[in-house]
C-alpha atoms as a PDB file:
ATOM      1  CA  MET A   1       2.490   4.375   1.945  1.00  0.00           C
ATOM      2  CA  CYS A   2       5.660   5.211   3.869  1.00  0.00           C
ATOM      3  CA  GLU A   3       7.708   6.271   0.824  1.00  0.00           C
ATOM      4  CA  ALA A   4      10.584   3.946   1.749  1.00  0.00           C
ATOM      5  CA  SER A   5      13.253   3.750  -0.906  1.00  0.00           C
ATOM      6  CA  GLY A   6      14.251   0.486  -2.501  1.00  0.00           C
ATOM      7  CA  GLY A   7      12.181  -2.387  -3.757  1.00  0.00           C
ATOM      8  CA  SER A   8       8.492  -2.792  -3.272  1.00  0.00           C
ATOM      9  CA  GLU A   9       5.938  -5.575  -3.175  1.00  0.00           C
ATOM     10  CA  ALA A  10       2.673  -5.550  -5.094  1.00  0.00           C
ATOM     11  CA  HIS A  11      -0.398  -5.637  -2.861  1.00  0.00           C
ATOM     12  CA  HIS A  12      -3.391  -6.761  -4.888  1.00  0.00           C
ATOM     13  CA  ILE A  13      -6.630  -5.093  -3.869  1.00  0.00           C
ATOM     14  CA  ARG A  14      -8.506  -7.732  -5.836  1.00  0.00           C
ATOM     15  CA  GLN A  15      -6.710 -11.004  -6.462  1.00  0.00           C
ATOM     16  CA  HIS A  16      -5.654 -11.654 -10.064  1.00  0.00           C
ATOM     17  CA  SER A  17      -6.415  -8.057 -11.055  1.00  0.00           C
ATOM     18  CA  GLN A  18      -3.057  -6.571 -12.063  1.00  0.00           C
ATOM     19  CA  TYR A  19      -4.412  -3.054 -12.458  1.00  0.00           C
ATOM     20  CA  LEU A  20      -5.700  -2.945  -8.897  1.00  0.00           C
ATOM     21  CA  CYS A  21      -2.453  -3.269  -6.990  1.00  0.00           C
ATOM     22  CA  ILE A  22      -0.350  -0.847  -4.984  1.00  0.00           C
ATOM     23  CA  PRO A  23       3.410  -0.843  -4.334  1.00  0.00           C
ATOM     24  CA  LEU A  24       4.272  -1.277  -0.663  1.00  0.00           C
ATOM     25  CA  CYS A  25       7.472  -1.853   1.269  1.00  0.00           C
ATOM     26  CA  ALA A  26       7.689  -5.241   2.997  1.00  0.00           C
ATOM     27  CA  ASP A  27       6.663  -3.782   6.387  1.00  0.00           C
ATOM     28  CA  CYS A  28       3.632  -1.888   5.049  1.00  0.00           C
ATOM     29  CA  HIS A  29       2.594  -4.972   3.096  1.00  0.00           C
ATOM     30  CA  ARG A  30       3.108  -7.940   5.384  1.00  0.00           C
ATOM     31  CA  GLY A  31       4.585  -6.609   8.624  1.00  0.00           C
ATOM     32  CA  SER A  32       2.978  -8.156  11.695  1.00  0.00           C
ATOM     33  CA  ILE A  33       2.173  -4.800  13.318  1.00  0.00           C
ATOM     34  CA  ASN A  34       1.950  -2.176  10.541  1.00  0.00           C
ATOM     35  CA  GLY A  35       1.339  -4.358   7.514  1.00  0.00           C
ATOM     36  CA  TRP A  36      -1.863  -4.743   5.573  1.00  0.00           C
ATOM     37  CA  HIS A  37      -1.722  -8.494   6.219  1.00  0.00           C
ATOM     38  CA  GLY A  38      -0.948  -7.890   9.907  1.00  0.00           C
ATOM     39  CA  GLN A  39      -2.582  -5.592  12.454  1.00  0.00           C
ATOM     40  CA  ARG A  40      -2.732  -2.602  10.054  1.00  0.00           C
ATOM     41  CA  ARG A  41      -1.792  -0.103  12.774  1.00  0.00           C
ATOM     42  CA  ILE A  42      -0.089   2.414  10.475  1.00  0.00           C
ATOM     43  CA  TRP A  43      -3.030   2.211   8.058  1.00  0.00           C
ATOM     44  CA  ASN A  44      -5.387   3.038  10.916  1.00  0.00           C
ATOM     45  CA  VAL A  45      -3.219   5.966  12.031  1.00  0.00           C
ATOM     46  CA  TYR A  46      -3.351   7.443   8.515  1.00  0.00           C
ATOM     47  CA  LYS A  47      -7.044   6.472   8.210  1.00  0.00           C
ATOM     48  CA  MET A  48      -6.350   4.887   4.822  1.00  0.00           C
ATOM     49  CA  ASP A  49      -7.786   1.870   3.093  1.00  0.00           C
ATOM     50  CA  GLU A  50      -6.605   0.148  -0.074  1.00  0.00           C
ATOM     51  CA  LEU A  51      -8.503   2.455  -2.422  1.00  0.00           C
ATOM     52  CA  ASP A  52      -7.026   5.524  -0.708  1.00  0.00           C
ATOM     53  CA  ALA A  53      -3.544   4.052  -1.243  1.00  0.00           C
ATOM     54  CA  LEU A  54      -4.349   3.267  -4.899  1.00  0.00           C
ATOM     55  CA  ASN A  55      -5.564   6.838  -5.436  1.00  0.00           C
ATOM     56  CA  ASP A  56      -2.388   8.185  -3.819  1.00  0.00           C
ATOM     57  CA  THR A  57      -0.237   5.927  -6.024  1.00  0.00           C
ATOM     58  CA  ILE A  58      -1.971   7.086  -9.218  1.00  0.00           C
ATOM     59  CA  ARG A  59      -1.646  10.729  -8.160  1.00  0.00           C
ATOM     60  CA  LYS A  60       2.098  10.271  -7.588  1.00  0.00           C
ATOM     61  CA  ILE A  61       2.550   8.533 -10.952  1.00  0.00           C
ATOM     62  CA  LEU A  62       0.762  11.356 -12.761  1.00  0.00           C
ATOM     63  CA  GLY A  63       2.851  13.950 -10.919  1.00  0.00           C
ATOM     64  CA  GLY A  64       0.049  15.586  -9.013  1.00  0.00           C
END
């Protein structure tokens, strides 16, 4: 999401589905203001949902 360096946390789009998760920094994942499990402000600014973030992750992995 924010391309922060360092470790990431796995956000599961569907619980217990390991292939439907996206790597997020701690703030993008569970931050009280920007995080997916918070107010989601940064997600709203970028007009992204979980599937958009998954698509972006796959594109980056494939080098596109």
